[in-house]
Amino acid sequence: MIRTPLDKLGNYIWAWNVERSGCHLHLDIVIAPALRLPHPVAVVLGQGVTVARSFTLYQSVTIGRSKSENIP
C-alpha cells in the first residue's frame, strides 16, 4: 500500500533488492539492531517475523508462517 512519496521510494528499493539478490524481506517485519546478512541470496523473512538483536542469517533460509494451520 503506497500512501506517501517515502512509501513509494521504499517499495522501489524493496523491489530492486529482491530482483538483485533474491533476498525477500516482507515490509511488515520487525528487525532489531545489528541484523547481519553476510550472503543474502535466497533469504526470505515473511510477514509477522520479529528478528532478535545481533542476529546473523545466512543464505537459503526461509523464516515465516506456513499457509497450513497445522505447521507453524
PDB file of N, CA and C in Angstrom:
ATOM      1  N   MET A   1       0.847  -1.169   0.000  1.00  0.00           N
ATOM      2  CA  MET A   1       0.000   0.000   0.000  1.00  0.00           C
ATOM      3  C   MET A   1       0.902   1.245   0.000  1.00  0.00           C
ATOM      4  N   ILE A   2       0.756   2.074  -0.993  1.00  0.00           N
ATOM      5  CA  ILE A   2       1.563   3.287  -1.110  1.00  0.00           C
ATOM      6  C   ILE A   2       0.719   4.481  -0.674  1.00  0.00           C
ATOM      7  N   ARG A   3       1.177   5.166   0.400  1.00  0.00           N
ATOM      8  CA  ARG A   3       0.422   6.302   0.929  1.00  0.00           C
ATOM      9  C   ARG A   3       1.166   7.618   0.768  1.00  0.00           C
ATOM     10  N   THR A   4       2.488   7.578   0.814  1.00  0.00           N
ATOM     11  CA  THR A   4       3.286   8.797   0.747  1.00  0.00           C
ATOM     12  C   THR A   4       4.417   8.602  -0.250  1.00  0.00           C
ATOM     13  N   PRO A   5       5.118   9.678  -0.639  1.00  0.00           N
ATOM     14  CA  PRO A   5       6.277   9.525  -1.519  1.00  0.00           C
ATOM     15  C   PRO A   5       7.362   8.626  -0.912  1.00  0.00           C
ATOM     16  N   LEU A   6       7.526   8.645   0.418  1.00  0.00           N
ATOM     17  CA  LEU A   6       8.519   7.765   1.046  1.00  0.00           C
ATOM     18  C   LEU A   6       8.108   6.301   0.937  1.00  0.00           C
ATOM     19  N   ASP A   7       6.812   6.020   1.003  1.00  0.00           N
ATOM     20  CA  ASP A   7       6.333   4.655   0.797  1.00  0.00           C
ATOM     21  C   ASP A   7       6.677   4.188  -0.616  1.00  0.00           C
ATOM     22  N   LYS A   8       6.490   5.070  -1.577  1.00  0.00           N
ATOM     23  CA  LYS A   8       6.796   4.733  -2.969  1.00  0.00           C
ATOM     24  C   LYS A   8       8.289   4.443  -3.120  1.00  0.00           C
ATOM     25  N   LEU A   9       9.136   5.280  -2.513  1.00  0.00           N
ATOM     26  CA  LEU A   9      10.585   5.058  -2.564  1.00  0.00           C
ATOM     27  C   LEU A   9      10.941   3.740  -1.877  1.00  0.00           C
ATOM     28  N   GLY A  10      10.336   3.472  -0.715  1.00  0.00           N
ATOM     29  CA  GLY A  10      10.590   2.227  -0.001  1.00  0.00           C
ATOM     30  C   GLY A  10      10.219   1.007  -0.825  1.00  0.00           C
ATOM     31  N   ASN A  11       9.085   1.059  -1.506  1.00  0.00           N
ATOM     32  CA  ASN A  11       8.674  -0.049  -2.369  1.00  0.00           C
ATOM     33  C   ASN A  11       9.633  -0.235  -3.537  1.00  0.00           C
ATOM     34  N   TYR A  12      10.125   0.857  -4.094  1.00  0.00           N
ATOM     35  CA  TYR A  12      11.086   0.777  -5.188  1.00  0.00           C
ATOM     36  C   TYR A  12      12.386   0.113  -4.721  1.00  0.00           C
ATOM     37  N   ILE A  13      12.894   0.530  -3.570  1.00  0.00           N
ATOM     38  CA  ILE A  13      14.132  -0.052  -3.030  1.00  0.00           C
ATOM     39  C   ILE A  13      13.926  -1.533  -2.709  1.00  0.00           C
ATOM     40  N   TRP A  14      12.777  -1.866  -2.133  1.00  0.00           N
ATOM     41  CA  TRP A  14      12.470  -3.266  -1.822  1.00  0.00           C
ATOM     42  C   TRP A  14      12.469  -4.114  -3.096  1.00  0.00           C
ATOM     43  N   ALA A  15      11.780  -3.650  -4.130  1.00  0.00           N
ATOM     44  CA  ALA A  15      11.690  -4.399  -5.386  1.00  0.00           C
ATOM     45  C   ALA A  15      13.064  -4.552  -6.031  1.00  0.00           C
ATOM     46  N   TRP A  16      13.866  -3.490  -5.992  1.00  0.00           N
ATOM     47  CA  TRP A  16      15.219  -3.557  -6.534  1.00  0.00           C
ATOM     48  C   TRP A  16      16.047  -4.599  -5.793  1.00  0.00           C
ATOM     49  N   ASN A  17      15.950  -4.621  -4.464  1.00  0.00           N
ATOM     50  CA  ASN A  17      16.704  -5.576  -3.661  1.00  0.00           C
ATOM     51  C   ASN A  17      16.282  -7.012  -3.962  1.00  0.00           C
ATOM     52  N   VAL A  18      14.981  -7.266  -4.059  1.00  0.00           N
ATOM     53  CA  VAL A  18      14.502  -8.617  -4.344  1.00  0.00           C
ATOM     54  C   VAL A  18      14.992  -9.063  -5.718  1.00  0.00           C
ATOM     55  N   GLU A  19      14.910  -8.186  -6.693  1.00  0.00           N
ATOM     56  CA  GLU A  19      15.357  -8.522  -8.053  1.00  0.00           C
ATOM     57  C   GLU A  19      16.859  -8.781  -8.105  1.00  0.00           C
ATOM     58  N   ARG A  20      17.620  -7.979  -7.414  1.00  0.00           N
ATOM     59  CA  ARG A  20      19.090  -8.053  -7.463  1.00  0.00           C
ATOM     60  C   ARG A  20      19.639  -9.254  -6.697  1.00  0.00           C
ATOM     61  N   SER A  21      19.116  -9.521  -5.501  1.00  0.00           N
ATOM     62  CA  SER A  21      19.742 -10.532  -4.643  1.00  0.00           C
ATOM     63  C   SER A  21      18.861 -11.739  -4.331  1.00  0.00           C
ATOM     64  N   GLY A  22      17.575 -11.656  -4.611  1.00  0.00           N
ATOM     65  CA  GLY A  22      16.690 -12.738  -4.237  1.00  0.00           C
ATOM     66  C   GLY A  22      16.421 -12.759  -2.743  1.00  0.00           C
ATOM     67  N   CYS A  23      16.719 -11.664  -2.068  1.00  0.00           N
ATOM     68  CA  CYS A  23      16.504 -11.529  -0.632  1.00  0.00           C
ATOM     69  C   CYS A  23      15.155 -10.833  -0.430  1.00  0.00           C
ATOM     70  N   HIS A  24      14.181 -11.587   0.099  1.00  0.00           N
ATOM     71  CA  HIS A  24      12.830 -11.054   0.253  1.00  0.00           C
ATOM     72  C   HIS A  24      12.562 -10.782   1.731  1.00  0.00           C
ATOM     73  N   LEU A  25      12.525  -9.524   2.107  1.00  0.00           N
ATOM     74  CA  LEU A  25      12.188  -9.119   3.472  1.00  0.00           C
ATOM     75  C   LEU A  25      10.821  -8.454   3.414  1.00  0.00           C
ATOM     76  N   HIS A  26       9.816  -9.103   3.988  1.00  0.00           N
ATOM     77  CA  HIS A  26       8.464  -8.557   3.949  1.00  0.00           C
ATOM     78  C   HIS A  26       8.450  -7.168   4.585  1.00  0.00           C
ATOM     79  N   LEU A  27       7.664  -6.278   4.060  1.00  0.00           N
ATOM     80  CA  LEU A  27       7.633  -4.902   4.556  1.00  0.00           C
ATOM     81  C   LEU A  27       7.016  -4.787   5.948  1.00  0.00           C
ATOM     82  N   ASP A  28       6.466  -5.881   6.464  1.00  0.00           N
ATOM     83  CA  ASP A  28       5.774  -5.859   7.751  1.00  0.00           C
ATOM     84  C   ASP A  28       6.574  -6.537   8.872  1.00  0.00           C
ATOM     85  N   ILE A  29       7.861  -6.845   8.667  1.00  0.00           N
ATOM     86  CA  ILE A  29       8.651  -7.500   9.712  1.00  0.00           C
ATOM     87  C   ILE A  29       9.251  -6.471  10.663  1.00  0.00           C
ATOM     88  N   VAL A  30       9.658  -6.949  11.844  1.00  0.00           N
ATOM     89  CA  VAL A  30      10.299  -6.100  12.849  1.00  0.00           C
ATOM     90  C   VAL A  30      11.742  -6.571  12.986  1.00  0.00           C
ATOM     91  N   ILE A  31      12.697  -5.653  12.772  1.00  0.00           N
ATOM     92  CA  ILE A  31      14.116  -6.006  12.831  1.00  0.00           C
ATOM     93  C   ILE A  31      14.778  -5.210  13.937  1.00  0.00           C
ATOM     94  N   ALA A  32      15.355  -5.923  14.919  1.00  0.00           N
ATOM     95  CA  ALA A  32      16.121  -5.278  15.986  1.00  0.00           C
ATOM     96  C   ALA A  32      17.487  -4.866  15.433  1.00  0.00           C
ATOM     97  N   PRO A  33      18.228  -4.021  16.141  1.00  0.00           N
ATOM     98  CA  PRO A  33      19.537  -3.585  15.667  1.00  0.00           C
ATOM     99  C   PRO A  33      20.513  -4.742  15.448  1.00  0.00           C
ATOM    100  N   ALA A  34      21.403  -4.549  14.508  1.00  0.00           N
ATOM    101  CA  ALA A  34      22.544  -5.434  14.235  1.00  0.00           C
ATOM    102  C   ALA A  34      22.178  -6.721  13.505  1.00  0.00           C
ATOM    103  N   LEU A  35      21.181  -6.698  12.634  1.00  0.00           N
ATOM    104  CA  LEU A  35      20.919  -7.853  11.772  1.00  0.00           C
ATOM    105  C   LEU A  35      22.069  -7.956  10.774  1.00  0.00           C
ATOM    106  N   ARG A  36      22.637  -9.159  10.634  1.00  0.00           N
ATOM    107  CA  ARG A  36      23.713  -9.392   9.673  1.00  0.00           C
ATOM    108  C   ARG A  36      23.250 -10.380   8.620  1.00  0.00           C
ATOM    109  N   LEU A  37      23.470 -10.027   7.359  1.00  0.00           N
ATOM    110  CA  LEU A  37      23.176 -10.901   6.226  1.00  0.00           C
ATOM    111  C   LEU A  37      24.468 -11.026   5.408  1.00  0.00           C
ATOM    112  N   PRO A  38      25.409 -11.895   5.820  1.00  0.00           N
ATOM    113  CA  PRO A  38      26.697 -11.969   5.134  1.00  0.00           C
ATOM    114  C   PRO A  38      26.591 -12.378   3.668  1.00  0.00           C
ATOM    115  N   HIS A  39      25.611 -13.187   3.325  1.00  0.00           N
ATOM    116  CA  HIS A  39      25.416 -13.632   1.941  1.00  0.00           C
ATOM    117  C   HIS A  39      23.911 -13.734   1.710  1.00  0.00           C
ATOM    118  N   PRO A  40      23.228 -12.623   1.433  1.00  0.00           N
ATOM    119  CA  PRO A  40      21.761 -12.591   1.439  1.00  0.00           C
ATOM    120  C   PRO A  40      21.096 -13.104   0.165  1.00  0.00           C
ATOM    121  N   VAL A  41      21.523 -14.268  -0.315  1.00  0.00           N
ATOM    122  CA  VAL A  41      20.910 -14.853  -1.503  1.00  0.00           C
ATOM    123  C   VAL A  41      19.876 -15.876  -1.063  1.00  0.00           C
ATOM    124  N   ALA A  42      18.695 -15.789  -1.620  1.00  0.00           N
ATOM    125  CA  ALA A  42      17.599 -16.719  -1.337  1.00  0.00           C
ATOM    126  C   ALA A  42      17.183 -16.687   0.132  1.00  0.00           C
ATOM    127  N   VAL A  43      17.183 -15.510   0.738  1.00  0.00           N
ATOM    128  CA  VAL A  43      16.723 -15.330   2.109  1.00  0.00           C
ATOM    129  C   VAL A  43      15.305 -14.777   2.069  1.00  0.00           C
ATOM    130  N   VAL A  44      14.406 -15.377   2.847  1.00  0.00           N
ATOM    131  CA  VAL A  44      13.027 -14.914   2.905  1.00  0.00           C
ATOM    132  C   VAL A  44      12.638 -14.747   4.370  1.00  0.00           C
ATOM    133  N   LEU A  45      12.210 -13.546   4.730  1.00  0.00           N
ATOM    134  CA  LEU A  45      11.629 -13.280   6.043  1.00  0.00           C
ATOM    135  C   LEU A  45      10.201 -12.836   5.778  1.00  0.00           C
ATOM    136  N   GLY A  46       9.249 -13.660   6.165  1.00  0.00           N
ATOM    137  CA  GLY A  46       7.852 -13.419   5.835  1.00  0.00           C
ATOM    138  C   GLY A  46       7.128 -12.523   6.812  1.00  0.00           C
ATOM    139  N   GLN A  47       5.880 -12.278   6.513  1.00  0.00           N
ATOM    140  CA  GLN A  47       5.022 -11.399   7.307  1.00  0.00           C
ATOM    141  C   GLN A  47       4.924 -11.906   8.741  1.00  0.00           C
ATOM    142  N   GLY A  48       5.014 -10.977   9.693  1.00  0.00           N
ATOM    143  CA  GLY A  48       4.862 -11.316  11.093  1.00  0.00           C
ATOM    144  C   GLY A  48       6.138 -11.740  11.797  1.00  0.00           C
ATOM    145  N   VAL A  49       7.254 -11.765  11.093  1.00  0.00           N
ATOM    146  CA  VAL A  49       8.532 -12.184  11.688  1.00  0.00           C
ATOM    147  C   VAL A  49       9.111 -11.048  12.526  1.00  0.00           C
ATOM    148  N   THR A  50       9.685 -11.399  13.683  1.00  0.00           N
ATOM    149  CA  THR A  50      10.435 -10.464  14.512  1.00  0.00           C
ATOM    150  C   THR A  50      11.848 -11.005  14.641  1.00  0.00           C
ATOM    151  N   VAL A  51      12.833 -10.216  14.230  1.00  0.00           N
ATOM    152  CA  VAL A  51      14.233 -10.633  14.263  1.00  0.00           C
ATOM    153  C   VAL A  51      14.890 -10.058  15.518  1.00  0.00           C
ATOM    154  N   ALA A  52      15.551 -10.930  16.278  1.00  0.00           N
ATOM    155  CA  ALA A  52      16.177 -10.530  17.542  1.00  0.00           C
ATOM    156  C   ALA A  52      17.437  -9.694  17.312  1.00  0.00           C
ATOM    157  N   ARG A  53      17.910  -9.088  18.362  1.00  0.00           N
ATOM    158  CA  ARG A  53      19.124  -8.264  18.340  1.00  0.00           C
ATOM    159  C   ARG A  53      20.344  -9.126  18.007  1.00  0.00           C
ATOM    160  N   SER A  54      21.256  -8.578  17.210  1.00  0.00           N
ATOM    161  CA  SER A  54      22.524  -9.239  16.839  1.00  0.00           C
ATOM    162  C   SER A  54      22.298 -10.614  16.211  1.00  0.00           C
ATOM    163  N   PHE A  55      21.370 -10.695  15.295  1.00  0.00           N
ATOM    164  CA  PHE A  55      21.007 -11.945  14.626  1.00  0.00           C
ATOM    165  C   PHE A  55      21.769 -12.045  13.313  1.00  0.00           C
ATOM    166  N   THR A  56      22.328 -13.221  13.009  1.00  0.00           N
ATOM    167  CA  THR A  56      23.017 -13.463  11.744  1.00  0.00           C
ATOM    168  C   THR A  56      22.228 -14.499  10.964  1.00  0.00           C
ATOM    169  N   LEU A  57      21.953 -14.189   9.708  1.00  0.00           N
ATOM    170  CA  LEU A  57      21.147 -15.055   8.851  1.00  0.00           C
ATOM    171  C   LEU A  57      21.938 -15.327   7.578  1.00  0.00           C
ATOM    172  N   TYR A  58      22.168 -16.603   7.275  1.00  0.00           N
ATOM    173  CA  TYR A  58      22.946 -16.983   6.096  1.00  0.00           C
ATOM    174  C   TYR A  58      22.034 -17.307   4.921  1.00  0.00           C
ATOM    175  N   GLN A  59      22.634 -17.685   3.802  1.00  0.00           N
ATOM    176  CA  GLN A  59      21.887 -17.878   2.561  1.00  0.00           C
ATOM    177  C   GLN A  59      20.909 -19.042   2.613  1.00  0.00           C
ATOM    178  N   SER A  60      19.920 -18.980   1.736  1.00  0.00           N
ATOM    179  CA  SER A  60      18.918 -20.031   1.533  1.00  0.00           C
ATOM    180  C   SER A  60      18.143 -20.383   2.793  1.00  0.00           C
ATOM    181  N   VAL A  61      17.663 -19.365   3.501  1.00  0.00           N
ATOM    182  CA  VAL A  61      16.881 -19.559   4.722  1.00  0.00           C
ATOM    183  C   VAL A  61      15.522 -18.880   4.549  1.00  0.00           C
ATOM    184  N   THR A  62      14.485 -19.574   4.973  1.00  0.00           N
ATOM    185  CA  THR A  62      13.145 -19.001   4.973  1.00  0.00           C
ATOM    186  C   THR A  62      12.605 -19.043   6.396  1.00  0.00           C
ATOM    187  N   ILE A  63      12.130 -17.904   6.887  1.00  0.00           N
ATOM    188  CA  ILE A  63      11.509 -17.828   8.202  1.00  0.00           C
ATOM    189  C   ILE A  63      10.173 -17.131   8.020  1.00  0.00           C
ATOM    190  N   GLY A  64       9.124 -17.753   8.513  1.00  0.00           N
ATOM    191  CA  GLY A  64       7.803 -17.148   8.392  1.00  0.00           C
ATOM    192  C   GLY A  64       6.717 -18.163   8.582  1.00  0.00           C
ATOM    193  N   ARG A  65       5.506 -17.732   8.352  1.00  0.00           N
ATOM    194  CA  ARG A  65       4.338 -18.591   8.540  1.00  0.00           C
ATOM    195  C   ARG A  65       4.118 -19.497   7.342  1.00  0.00           C
ATOM    196  N   SER A  66       3.521 -20.623   7.628  1.00  0.00           N
ATOM    197  CA  SER A  66       3.098 -21.543   6.580  1.00  0.00           C
ATOM    198  C   SER A  66       1.653 -21.224   6.222  1.00  0.00           C
ATOM    199  N   LYS A  67       1.237 -21.602   5.059  1.00  0.00           N
ATOM    200  CA  LYS A  67      -0.168 -21.425   4.678  1.00  0.00           C
ATOM    201  C   LYS A  67      -1.062 -22.421   5.409  1.00  0.00           C
ATOM    202  N   SER A  68      -0.457 -23.518   5.884  1.00  0.00           N
ATOM    203  CA  SER A  68      -1.213 -24.535   6.609  1.00  0.00           C
ATOM    204  C   SER A  68      -1.372 -24.151   8.065  1.00  0.00           C
ATOM    205  N   GLU A  69      -2.524 -24.386   8.635  1.00  0.00           N
ATOM    206  CA  GLU A  69      -2.779 -24.077  10.040  1.00  0.00           C
ATOM    207  C   GLU A  69      -2.038 -25.049  10.961  1.00  0.00           C
ATOM    208  N   ASN A  70      -1.659 -26.230  10.453  1.00  0.00           N
ATOM    209  CA  ASN A  70      -1.018 -27.257  11.274  1.00  0.00           C
ATOM    210  C   ASN A  70       0.486 -27.079  11.387  1.00  0.00           C
ATOM    211  N   ILE A  71       1.070 -26.237  10.570  1.00  0.00           N
ATOM    212  CA  ILE A  71       2.519 -26.050  10.564  1.00  0.00           C
ATOM    213  C   ILE A  71       2.816 -24.604  10.962  1.00  0.00           C
ATOM    214  N   PRO A  72       3.643 -24.411  12.022  1.00  0.00           N
ATOM    215  CA  PRO A  72       3.942 -23.030  12.456  1.00  0.00           C
ATOM    216  C   PRO A  72       4.791 -22.282  11.448  1.00  0.00           C
TER     217      PRO A  72
END
